[in-house]
């Protein structure tokens, strides 16, 4: 019995209006860095092997940081097949 390639599911990216406004206020270089990382996350969410690692139940939202002190908080929603950006904020020191 031959096995086919791993089945992938297409995920999309979702912003609330408020978060999208904050995203659009960022400089172009910061937006590009955030967009690149989010695209990588969306692609990984659709990969069935990576999805098992990313979707642990009852865990706090995931986050990453971009180089100029911005924190992006997101959640992978397997029910709607979306990566939802919950917050984009400048990190104060």
N, C-alpha and C. Protein backbone atom coordinates (compact mmCIF):
# COMPACT_ATOMS: atom_id res chain seq x y z
N UNK A 1 0.84 -1.18 0.00
CA UNK A 1 0.00 0.00 0.00
C UNK A 1 0.89 1.25 0.00
N UNK A 2 0.74 2.07 -0.98
CA UNK A 2 1.53 3.29 -1.09
C UNK A 2 0.85 4.42 -0.33
N UNK A 3 1.66 5.23 0.29
CA UNK A 3 1.10 6.38 0.99
C UNK A 3 1.32 7.61 0.14
N UNK A 4 0.34 8.47 0.10
CA UNK A 4 0.43 9.71 -0.68
C UNK A 4 1.11 10.79 0.12
N UNK A 5 1.26 11.95 -0.46
CA UNK A 5 1.87 13.06 0.28
C UNK A 5 0.98 13.48 1.43
N UNK A 6 1.60 14.09 2.43
CA UNK A 6 0.83 14.57 3.59
C UNK A 6 -0.22 15.56 3.12
N UNK A 7 -1.41 15.43 3.63
CA UNK A 7 -2.50 16.32 3.25
C UNK A 7 -2.35 17.66 3.94
N UNK A 8 -2.41 18.70 3.18
CA UNK A 8 -2.30 20.03 3.78
C UNK A 8 -3.66 20.72 3.73
N UNK A 9 -3.87 21.56 4.70
CA UNK A 9 -5.10 22.34 4.73
C UNK A 9 -4.69 23.80 4.61
N UNK A 10 -5.44 24.52 3.85
CA UNK A 10 -5.10 25.92 3.62
C UNK A 10 -5.62 26.79 4.76
N UNK A 11 -4.74 27.51 5.37
CA UNK A 11 -5.09 28.46 6.43
C UNK A 11 -5.00 29.86 5.85
N UNK A 12 -5.75 30.76 6.44
CA UNK A 12 -5.70 32.16 6.02
C UNK A 12 -5.32 33.02 7.22
N UNK A 13 -5.04 34.26 6.97
CA UNK A 13 -4.64 35.20 8.00
C UNK A 13 -5.80 36.14 8.28
N UNK A 14 -6.05 36.43 9.55
CA UNK A 14 -7.16 37.31 9.93
C UNK A 14 -6.69 38.35 10.95
N UNK A 15 -7.11 39.59 10.72
CA UNK A 15 -6.86 40.71 11.64
C UNK A 15 -8.21 41.29 12.03
N UNK A 16 -8.32 41.79 13.27
CA UNK A 16 -9.48 42.61 13.60
C UNK A 16 -9.22 43.98 13.00
N UNK A 17 -10.24 44.81 12.88
CA UNK A 17 -10.05 46.16 12.31
C UNK A 17 -9.06 46.98 13.12
N UNK A 18 -9.17 46.89 14.44
CA UNK A 18 -8.28 47.66 15.31
C UNK A 18 -6.83 47.22 15.14
N UNK A 19 -6.59 45.92 15.13
CA UNK A 19 -5.24 45.40 14.98
C UNK A 19 -4.70 45.73 13.59
N UNK A 20 -5.55 45.64 12.58
CA UNK A 20 -5.12 45.97 11.22
C UNK A 20 -4.72 47.44 11.12
N UNK A 21 -5.47 48.33 11.78
CA UNK A 21 -5.11 49.76 11.79
C UNK A 21 -3.73 49.97 12.42
N UNK A 22 -3.47 49.28 13.54
CA UNK A 22 -2.17 49.41 14.19
C UNK A 22 -1.06 48.86 13.29
N UNK A 23 -1.35 47.77 12.60
CA UNK A 23 -0.39 47.18 11.67
C UNK A 23 -0.05 48.17 10.56
N UNK A 24 -1.07 48.82 10.01
CA UNK A 24 -0.86 49.76 8.90
C UNK A 24 -0.13 51.03 9.33
N UNK A 25 -0.15 51.35 10.62
CA UNK A 25 0.56 52.52 11.13
C UNK A 25 2.06 52.27 11.28
N UNK A 26 2.47 51.00 11.28
CA UNK A 26 3.89 50.67 11.41
C UNK A 26 4.64 51.08 10.15
N UNK A 27 5.94 51.31 10.30
CA UNK A 27 6.77 51.62 9.13
C UNK A 27 6.78 50.44 8.18
N UNK A 28 7.06 50.71 6.93
CA UNK A 28 7.04 49.68 5.89
C UNK A 28 7.98 48.52 6.20
N UNK A 29 9.17 48.80 6.73
CA UNK A 29 10.13 47.73 7.03
C UNK A 29 9.61 46.82 8.14
N UNK A 30 8.94 47.41 9.11
CA UNK A 30 8.38 46.61 10.21
C UNK A 30 7.20 45.79 9.70
N UNK A 31 6.34 46.41 8.88
CA UNK A 31 5.22 45.66 8.29
C UNK A 31 5.72 44.47 7.47
N UNK A 32 6.78 44.68 6.71
CA UNK A 32 7.33 43.60 5.88
C UNK A 32 7.84 42.46 6.75
N UNK A 33 8.54 42.78 7.85
CA UNK A 33 9.05 41.74 8.74
C UNK A 33 7.91 40.99 9.40
N UNK A 34 6.89 41.70 9.84
CA UNK A 34 5.73 41.06 10.46
C UNK A 34 5.00 40.19 9.44
N UNK A 35 4.76 40.72 8.27
CA UNK A 35 4.05 39.98 7.21
C UNK A 35 4.79 38.69 6.84
N UNK A 36 6.13 38.77 6.72
CA UNK A 36 6.92 37.59 6.37
C UNK A 36 6.77 36.50 7.42
N UNK A 37 6.89 36.89 8.68
CA UNK A 37 6.77 35.90 9.78
C UNK A 37 5.37 35.31 9.81
N UNK A 38 4.34 36.14 9.62
CA UNK A 38 2.96 35.64 9.62
C UNK A 38 2.72 34.69 8.44
N UNK A 39 3.29 35.00 7.28
CA UNK A 39 3.14 34.10 6.13
C UNK A 39 3.77 32.74 6.41
N UNK A 40 4.92 32.73 7.10
CA UNK A 40 5.57 31.48 7.48
C UNK A 40 4.69 30.69 8.45
N UNK A 41 4.05 31.39 9.38
CA UNK A 41 3.18 30.73 10.36
C UNK A 41 1.95 30.15 9.67
N UNK A 42 1.36 30.89 8.75
CA UNK A 42 0.19 30.40 8.00
C UNK A 42 0.56 29.16 7.20
N UNK A 43 1.71 29.18 6.55
CA UNK A 43 2.16 28.02 5.76
C UNK A 43 2.38 26.82 6.66
N UNK A 44 3.00 27.03 7.82
CA UNK A 44 3.24 25.93 8.75
C UNK A 44 1.94 25.39 9.34
N UNK A 45 0.96 26.26 9.54
CA UNK A 45 -0.31 25.81 10.11
C UNK A 45 -1.03 24.85 9.18
N UNK A 46 -0.83 25.00 7.88
CA UNK A 46 -1.47 24.12 6.91
C UNK A 46 -0.78 22.79 6.76
N UNK A 47 0.45 22.68 7.23
CA UNK A 47 1.20 21.43 7.14
C UNK A 47 0.74 20.50 8.25
N UNK A 48 0.25 19.34 7.92
CA UNK A 48 -0.32 18.44 8.91
C UNK A 48 0.68 18.03 9.98
N UNK A 49 1.96 17.90 9.63
CA UNK A 49 2.96 17.50 10.62
C UNK A 49 3.22 18.63 11.61
N UNK A 50 3.33 19.85 11.13
CA UNK A 50 3.60 20.99 12.01
C UNK A 50 2.37 21.35 12.83
N UNK A 51 1.18 21.11 12.27
CA UNK A 51 -0.07 21.47 12.95
C UNK A 51 -0.19 20.75 14.28
N UNK A 52 0.24 19.51 14.36
CA UNK A 52 0.15 18.76 15.60
C UNK A 52 0.95 19.43 16.71
N UNK A 53 2.07 20.05 16.37
CA UNK A 53 2.90 20.74 17.35
C UNK A 53 2.30 22.08 17.74
N UNK A 54 1.73 22.79 16.78
CA UNK A 54 1.27 24.16 17.01
C UNK A 54 -0.03 24.25 17.77
N UNK A 55 -0.86 23.23 17.71
CA UNK A 55 -2.21 23.36 18.22
C UNK A 55 -2.41 22.60 19.53
N UNK A 56 -1.63 22.91 20.52
CA UNK A 56 -1.81 22.30 21.83
C UNK A 56 -3.01 22.95 22.51
N UNK A 57 -3.92 22.14 23.04
CA UNK A 57 -5.13 22.71 23.65
C UNK A 57 -4.84 23.47 24.94
N UNK A 58 -5.65 24.48 25.19
CA UNK A 58 -5.62 25.27 26.42
C UNK A 58 -4.27 25.90 26.72
N UNK A 59 -3.60 26.34 25.70
CA UNK A 59 -2.34 27.06 25.88
C UNK A 59 -2.59 28.54 25.62
N UNK A 60 -1.78 29.41 26.21
CA UNK A 60 -1.96 30.84 25.95
C UNK A 60 -1.65 31.15 24.49
N UNK A 61 -2.10 32.31 24.00
CA UNK A 61 -1.81 32.68 22.61
C UNK A 61 -0.30 32.69 22.36
N UNK A 62 0.06 32.43 21.15
CA UNK A 62 1.46 32.43 20.74
C UNK A 62 1.90 33.85 20.43
N UNK A 63 3.21 34.09 20.42
CA UNK A 63 3.69 35.43 20.11
C UNK A 63 5.09 35.35 19.50
N UNK A 64 5.43 36.41 18.80
CA UNK A 64 6.79 36.57 18.31
C UNK A 64 7.11 38.05 18.33
N UNK A 65 8.39 38.34 18.19
CA UNK A 65 8.87 39.73 18.25
C UNK A 65 9.60 40.06 16.96
N UNK A 66 9.46 41.30 16.53
CA UNK A 66 10.26 41.77 15.40
C UNK A 66 11.30 42.74 15.93
N UNK A 67 12.30 42.97 15.14
CA UNK A 67 13.54 43.59 15.58
C UNK A 67 13.45 44.95 16.24
N UNK A 68 12.47 45.72 16.03
CA UNK A 68 12.46 47.05 16.63
C UNK A 68 11.49 47.15 17.80
N UNK A 69 11.33 46.06 18.50
CA UNK A 69 10.55 46.11 19.72
C UNK A 69 9.05 45.98 19.55
N UNK A 70 8.60 45.24 18.56
CA UNK A 70 7.17 45.00 18.39
C UNK A 70 6.84 43.55 18.74
N UNK A 71 5.77 43.39 19.49
CA UNK A 71 5.30 42.06 19.87
C UNK A 71 4.00 41.78 19.11
N UNK A 72 3.94 40.61 18.50
CA UNK A 72 2.76 40.19 17.75
C UNK A 72 2.21 38.95 18.44
N UNK A 73 0.96 39.02 18.86
CA UNK A 73 0.30 37.91 19.54
C UNK A 73 -0.71 37.33 18.57
N UNK A 74 -0.69 36.00 18.42
CA UNK A 74 -1.58 35.37 17.46
C UNK A 74 -2.07 34.04 17.99
N UNK A 75 -3.06 33.49 17.31
CA UNK A 75 -3.64 32.21 17.69
C UNK A 75 -3.96 31.45 16.42
N UNK A 76 -3.68 30.15 16.43
CA UNK A 76 -4.01 29.29 15.30
C UNK A 76 -5.36 28.64 15.62
N UNK A 77 -6.36 28.90 14.79
CA UNK A 77 -7.71 28.39 15.01
C UNK A 77 -8.00 27.26 14.03
N UNK A 78 -7.93 26.01 14.49
CA UNK A 78 -8.15 24.88 13.58
C UNK A 78 -9.61 24.76 13.13
N UNK A 79 -10.53 25.31 13.89
CA UNK A 79 -11.94 25.23 13.53
C UNK A 79 -12.29 26.04 12.29
N UNK A 80 -11.68 27.22 12.18
CA UNK A 80 -11.95 28.09 11.04
C UNK A 80 -10.81 28.12 10.03
N UNK A 81 -9.72 27.39 10.33
CA UNK A 81 -8.53 27.36 9.48
C UNK A 81 -7.96 28.75 9.26
N UNK A 82 -7.81 29.47 10.37
CA UNK A 82 -7.26 30.82 10.30
C UNK A 82 -6.16 31.00 11.33
N UNK A 83 -5.22 31.83 11.00
CA UNK A 83 -4.25 32.34 11.96
C UNK A 83 -4.74 33.74 12.29
N UNK A 84 -5.15 33.94 13.54
CA UNK A 84 -5.78 35.19 13.95
C UNK A 84 -4.75 36.03 14.73
N UNK A 85 -4.50 37.24 14.24
CA UNK A 85 -3.60 38.16 14.93
C UNK A 85 -4.42 38.88 16.00
N UNK A 86 -4.05 38.66 17.26
CA UNK A 86 -4.81 39.21 18.38
C UNK A 86 -4.33 40.60 18.80
N UNK A 87 -3.02 40.85 18.64
CA UNK A 87 -2.48 42.13 19.09
C UNK A 87 -1.15 42.42 18.41
N UNK A 88 -0.93 43.67 18.10
CA UNK A 88 0.36 44.17 17.63
C UNK A 88 0.65 45.38 18.49
N UNK A 89 1.76 45.34 19.24
CA UNK A 89 2.05 46.43 20.14
C UNK A 89 3.55 46.66 20.24
N UNK A 90 3.92 47.89 20.46
CA UNK A 90 5.32 48.22 20.72
C UNK A 90 5.65 47.79 22.15
N UNK A 91 6.80 47.17 22.30
CA UNK A 91 7.25 46.72 23.61
C UNK A 91 8.00 47.88 24.24
N UNK A 92 7.57 48.28 25.42
CA UNK A 92 8.26 49.36 26.12
C UNK A 92 9.25 48.77 27.10
N UNK A 93 10.36 49.43 27.24
CA UNK A 93 11.38 48.90 28.16
C UNK A 93 11.40 49.62 29.47
